């Protein structure tokens, strides 16, 4: 069946979260292997080029450019039956959600692309600068831009050539053109009339996955007060955004 491994990152604003997050992950009983990185444990080649930018940029410790590099570094070391789970360190895992967690694993293993993504309620074109859309070969009225964005705080995946290539593309685009597709710099092309803000790593990863393909379920980890709010006791992972 393979192992289930968690990778995450806790540095910068989330540095003090590392110990409590690891304790929570262990207590959940969901994972066979756990790795919570900080800046110093990122790939050496990546740090050589981007450490200064990350340490100088508070938001997302460098607009989350480290995320695809981190996931890729762990993905390539997995066996074909293993499942890698990336979760932001602000998450809280709930042991009572074991049944739903196992369903996430099943969805991942059964997916043609061996990846499970979680879709939130925010429209792509409202939260992605137009320069990124054109960089990915999408015109301003592409159907992908009219759909709800996939979150990047929680991703389940297995080691496949396609997933490795997707992570490489994400990592490359994240640092391209002086980080233009990751940061808050103004789009050279006109954004959608209802554009609100760019969502950095989430914008890149969401569109790449939609273009390539991924299994999708609702981003039920978020703090909704509707029907999903009543299910919190049975959900395995909650986006509590804790920093300690």
Protein backbone atom coordinates (compact mmCIF):
# COMPACT_ATOMS: atom_id res chain seq x y z
CA UNK A 1 0.00 0.00 0.00
CA UNK A 2 2.93 2.37 0.59
CA UNK A 3 3.54 5.00 3.24
CA UNK A 4 1.82 8.34 3.77
CA UNK A 5 4.30 11.19 4.24
CA UNK A 6 3.68 14.77 5.29
CA UNK A 7 5.91 17.66 4.28
CA UNK A 8 5.47 21.23 5.45
CA UNK A 9 7.43 24.42 6.08
CA UNK A 10 7.70 26.59 9.18
CA UNK A 11 9.92 29.65 9.07
CA UNK A 12 9.52 33.41 9.10
CA UNK A 13 6.08 34.29 10.51
CA UNK A 14 5.41 30.60 11.22
CA UNK A 15 8.76 29.74 12.82
CA UNK A 16 7.24 29.47 16.31
CA UNK A 17 4.53 27.16 14.97
CA UNK A 18 6.93 24.32 14.13
CA UNK A 19 6.95 22.43 17.45
CA UNK A 20 3.20 22.60 18.09
CA UNK A 21 2.40 21.71 14.51
CA UNK A 22 4.64 18.65 14.62
CA UNK A 23 3.03 17.54 17.88
CA UNK A 24 -0.41 17.90 16.29
CA UNK A 25 0.63 15.96 13.19
CA UNK A 26 2.06 13.11 15.27
CA UNK A 27 -1.04 13.00 17.48
CA UNK A 28 -3.31 12.69 14.43
CA UNK A 29 -1.86 9.28 13.60
CA UNK A 30 -2.35 9.95 9.89
CA UNK A 31 1.28 9.82 8.76
CA UNK A 32 4.10 7.29 8.60
CA UNK A 33 6.76 9.93 7.97
CA UNK A 34 6.85 13.64 8.81
CA UNK A 35 9.19 16.38 7.62
CA UNK A 36 8.70 20.01 8.60
CA UNK A 37 11.31 22.11 6.85
CA UNK A 38 12.73 25.54 7.53
CA UNK A 39 14.82 27.73 5.26
CA UNK A 40 18.05 25.94 6.12
CA UNK A 41 16.67 22.55 5.06
CA UNK A 42 15.54 23.62 1.60
CA UNK A 43 17.51 22.28 -1.41
CA UNK A 44 21.01 23.79 -1.51
CA UNK A 45 20.84 24.90 -5.15
CA UNK A 46 17.51 26.61 -4.51
CA UNK A 47 18.91 28.49 -1.51
CA UNK A 48 21.95 29.63 -3.44
CA UNK A 49 19.79 31.67 -5.79
CA UNK A 50 16.77 32.61 -3.69
CA UNK A 51 17.60 32.73 0.03
CA UNK A 52 18.25 36.48 0.05
CA UNK A 53 14.90 37.19 -1.61
CA UNK A 54 13.02 34.95 0.81
CA UNK A 55 14.61 36.43 3.92
CA UNK A 56 13.91 39.95 2.65
CA UNK A 57 10.27 39.25 1.78
CA UNK A 58 8.02 38.76 4.80
CA UNK A 59 4.84 37.69 3.03
CA UNK A 60 4.89 33.94 2.56
CA UNK A 61 8.63 33.96 3.31
CA UNK A 62 9.25 35.02 -0.28
CA UNK A 63 5.72 34.73 -1.67
CA UNK A 64 5.83 30.95 -1.11
CA UNK A 65 8.37 30.34 -3.89
CA UNK A 66 9.86 27.60 -1.70
CA UNK A 67 6.69 25.50 -1.80
CA UNK A 68 7.09 23.70 -5.16
CA UNK A 69 10.81 23.17 -4.52
CA UNK A 70 10.04 21.59 -1.15
CA UNK A 71 7.26 19.34 -2.45
CA UNK A 72 9.37 18.24 -5.41
CA UNK A 73 12.35 17.37 -3.20
CA UNK A 74 10.19 14.96 -1.20
CA UNK A 75 8.17 13.64 -4.12
CA UNK A 76 11.15 12.32 -6.07
CA UNK A 77 12.24 10.19 -3.09
CA UNK A 78 8.91 8.39 -2.72
CA UNK A 79 7.98 4.92 -3.87
CA UNK A 80 5.24 4.43 -6.50
CA UNK A 81 2.61 3.41 -3.90
CA UNK A 82 3.43 6.16 -1.41
CA UNK A 83 1.31 9.29 -0.96
CA UNK A 84 2.81 12.69 -0.20
CA UNK A 85 0.69 15.25 1.61
CA UNK A 86 1.74 18.89 1.64
CA UNK A 87 0.00 21.00 4.29
CA UNK A 88 0.71 24.56 5.37
CA UNK A 89 2.03 24.73 8.94
CA UNK A 90 -1.02 26.76 9.96
CA UNK A 91 -3.23 23.70 9.54
CA UNK A 92 -4.60 21.63 12.41
CA UNK A 93 -5.16 17.89 11.94
CA UNK A 94 -8.14 16.24 13.62
CA UNK A 95 -7.79 12.55 14.59
CA UNK A 96 -11.58 12.21 14.51
CA UNK A 97 -11.47 12.84 10.77
CA UNK A 98 -9.72 9.56 9.94
CA UNK A 99 -12.51 8.28 7.70
CA UNK A 100 -12.48 11.39 5.53
CA UNK A 101 -8.67 11.40 5.47
CA UNK A 102 -8.72 7.84 4.13
CA UNK A 103 -11.15 9.00 1.45
CA UNK A 104 -8.66 11.69 0.44
CA UNK A 105 -6.03 8.96 0.06
CA UNK A 106 -8.40 6.83 -2.03
CA UNK A 107 -9.25 9.77 -4.26
CA UNK A 108 -5.54 10.42 -4.78
CA UNK A 109 -4.69 6.81 -5.65
CA UNK A 110 -7.72 6.45 -7.95
CA UNK A 111 -7.16 9.72 -9.83
CA UNK A 112 -5.76 9.42 -13.38
CA UNK A 113 -3.14 12.04 -12.47
CA UNK A 114 -2.55 10.66 -8.95
CA UNK A 115 -3.26 14.04 -7.40
CA UNK A 116 -6.05 15.44 -5.24
CA UNK A 117 -6.69 19.18 -5.09
CA UNK A 118 -9.15 21.23 -3.07
CA UNK A 119 -11.30 23.91 -4.70
CA UNK A 120 -12.26 27.07 -2.84
CA UNK A 121 -14.87 29.72 -3.64
CA UNK A 122 -12.68 32.39 -5.24
CA UNK A 123 -12.77 32.91 -9.02
CA UNK A 124 -9.44 32.54 -10.85
CA UNK A 125 -9.65 35.79 -12.81
CA UNK A 126 -10.37 37.75 -9.63
CA UNK A 127 -7.26 36.38 -7.91
CA UNK A 128 -4.68 35.88 -10.67
CA UNK A 129 -2.82 38.64 -12.51
CA UNK A 130 -3.36 38.50 -16.25
CA UNK A 131 0.36 38.21 -17.01
CA UNK A 132 0.31 34.76 -15.40
CA UNK A 133 -2.65 33.65 -17.49
CA UNK A 134 -0.88 34.57 -20.72
CA UNK A 135 2.37 33.03 -19.48
CA UNK A 136 0.47 29.74 -19.21
CA UNK A 137 -1.06 30.11 -22.66
CA UNK A 138 -4.52 31.15 -21.50
CA UNK A 139 -6.37 34.05 -23.12
CA UNK A 140 -8.30 36.49 -20.97
CA UNK A 141 -11.64 34.74 -21.59
CA UNK A 142 -10.38 31.18 -21.13
CA UNK A 143 -12.86 28.95 -19.33
CA UNK A 144 -10.32 28.04 -16.62
CA UNK A 145 -10.30 31.68 -15.50
CA UNK A 146 -14.05 31.54 -14.89
CA UNK A 147 -13.81 28.64 -12.42
CA UNK A 148 -13.05 28.64 -8.70
CA UNK A 149 -9.41 28.51 -7.65
CA UNK A 150 -7.67 25.43 -6.27
CA UNK A 151 -6.06 25.94 -2.88
CA UNK A 152 -2.34 25.41 -2.40
CA UNK A 153 -2.36 24.93 1.37
CA UNK A 154 -3.25 21.24 1.15
CA UNK A 155 -2.32 18.89 -1.70
CA UNK A 156 -2.24 15.07 -1.92
CA UNK A 157 -0.14 13.44 -4.65
CA UNK A 158 1.87 10.41 -5.71
CA UNK A 159 5.14 10.10 -7.57
CA UNK A 160 4.49 10.09 -11.32
CA UNK A 161 6.42 11.61 -14.20
CA UNK A 162 3.52 13.96 -14.82
CA UNK A 163 3.44 15.21 -11.22
CA UNK A 164 7.20 15.69 -11.19
CA UNK A 165 6.99 17.75 -14.38
CA UNK A 166 4.12 19.81 -12.97
CA UNK A 167 6.14 20.60 -9.84
CA UNK A 168 9.15 21.53 -11.96
CA UNK A 169 7.01 23.90 -14.02
CA UNK A 170 5.54 25.44 -10.88
CA UNK A 171 8.99 25.89 -9.34
CA UNK A 172 10.37 27.45 -12.51
CA UNK A 173 7.50 29.89 -13.06
CA UNK A 174 7.53 30.90 -9.39
CA UNK A 175 10.99 32.48 -9.73
CA UNK A 176 10.80 33.55 -13.37
CA UNK A 177 11.15 37.18 -14.47
CA UNK A 178 12.44 38.38 -11.08
CA UNK A 179 9.54 36.62 -9.26
CA UNK A 180 6.94 38.55 -11.26
CA UNK A 181 4.45 35.68 -11.39
CA UNK A 182 4.70 35.14 -7.62
CA UNK A 183 4.86 38.64 -6.20
CA UNK A 184 2.50 41.62 -6.02
CA UNK A 185 4.09 43.57 -8.87
CA UNK A 186 1.58 45.11 -11.26
CA UNK A 187 0.51 43.07 -14.27
CA UNK A 188 1.70 44.47 -17.59
CA UNK A 189 -1.51 43.24 -19.18
CA UNK A 190 -4.86 44.56 -18.00
CA UNK A 191 -6.40 42.41 -15.29
CA UNK A 192 -10.01 41.23 -15.25
CA UNK A 193 -12.44 44.07 -14.35
CA UNK A 194 -13.26 42.26 -11.09
CA UNK A 195 -9.62 41.55 -10.18
CA UNK A 196 -8.97 41.84 -6.43
CA UNK A 197 -5.44 40.59 -5.83
CA UNK A 198 -2.90 38.04 -7.02
CA UNK A 199 -2.72 34.85 -4.95
CA UNK A 200 0.97 34.11 -5.61
CA UNK A 201 1.80 30.37 -5.36
CA UNK A 202 -1.88 29.47 -5.33
CA UNK A 203 -2.54 31.26 -8.62
CA UNK A 204 0.33 29.45 -10.36
CA UNK A 205 -0.39 26.02 -8.92
CA UNK A 206 -4.13 26.23 -9.49
CA UNK A 207 -3.93 27.06 -13.18
CA UNK A 208 -1.16 24.53 -13.85
CA UNK A 209 -3.24 21.77 -12.28
CA UNK A 210 -6.36 22.70 -14.21
CA UNK A 211 -4.46 22.71 -17.49
CA UNK A 212 -2.87 19.33 -16.73
CA UNK A 213 -5.71 17.72 -14.78
CA UNK A 214 -6.30 16.75 -11.14
CA UNK A 215 -8.96 15.13 -9.00
CA UNK A 216 -10.89 17.85 -7.16
CA UNK A 217 -13.01 18.01 -4.04
CA UNK A 218 -14.33 20.98 -2.10
CA UNK A 219 -11.86 22.95 0.06
CA UNK A 220 -13.83 21.90 3.09
CA UNK A 221 -10.88 22.66 5.37
CA UNK A 222 -11.80 26.35 5.44
CA UNK A 223 -13.85 28.00 8.16
CA UNK A 224 -17.25 28.01 6.51
CA UNK A 225 -20.28 28.53 8.75
CA UNK A 226 -22.69 26.69 6.45
CA UNK A 227 -23.19 22.93 6.05
CA UNK A 228 -19.46 22.27 6.00
CA UNK A 229 -19.12 24.09 9.30
CA UNK A 230 -21.30 21.45 10.93
CA UNK A 231 -18.94 18.72 9.69
CA UNK A 232 -15.81 20.04 11.39
CA UNK A 233 -15.72 17.23 13.91
CA UNK A 234 -15.43 14.70 11.09
CA UNK A 235 -12.93 16.50 8.86
CA UNK A 236 -9.24 15.54 9.05
CA UNK A 237 -7.58 18.89 8.33
CA UNK A 238 -8.65 22.43 9.16
CA UNK A 239 -7.10 25.66 7.86
CA UNK A 240 -6.88 27.26 11.31
CA UNK A 241 -3.91 29.43 10.23
CA UNK A 242 -2.26 29.13 13.64
CA UNK A 243 1.19 30.71 14.03
CA UNK A 244 2.12 29.22 17.40
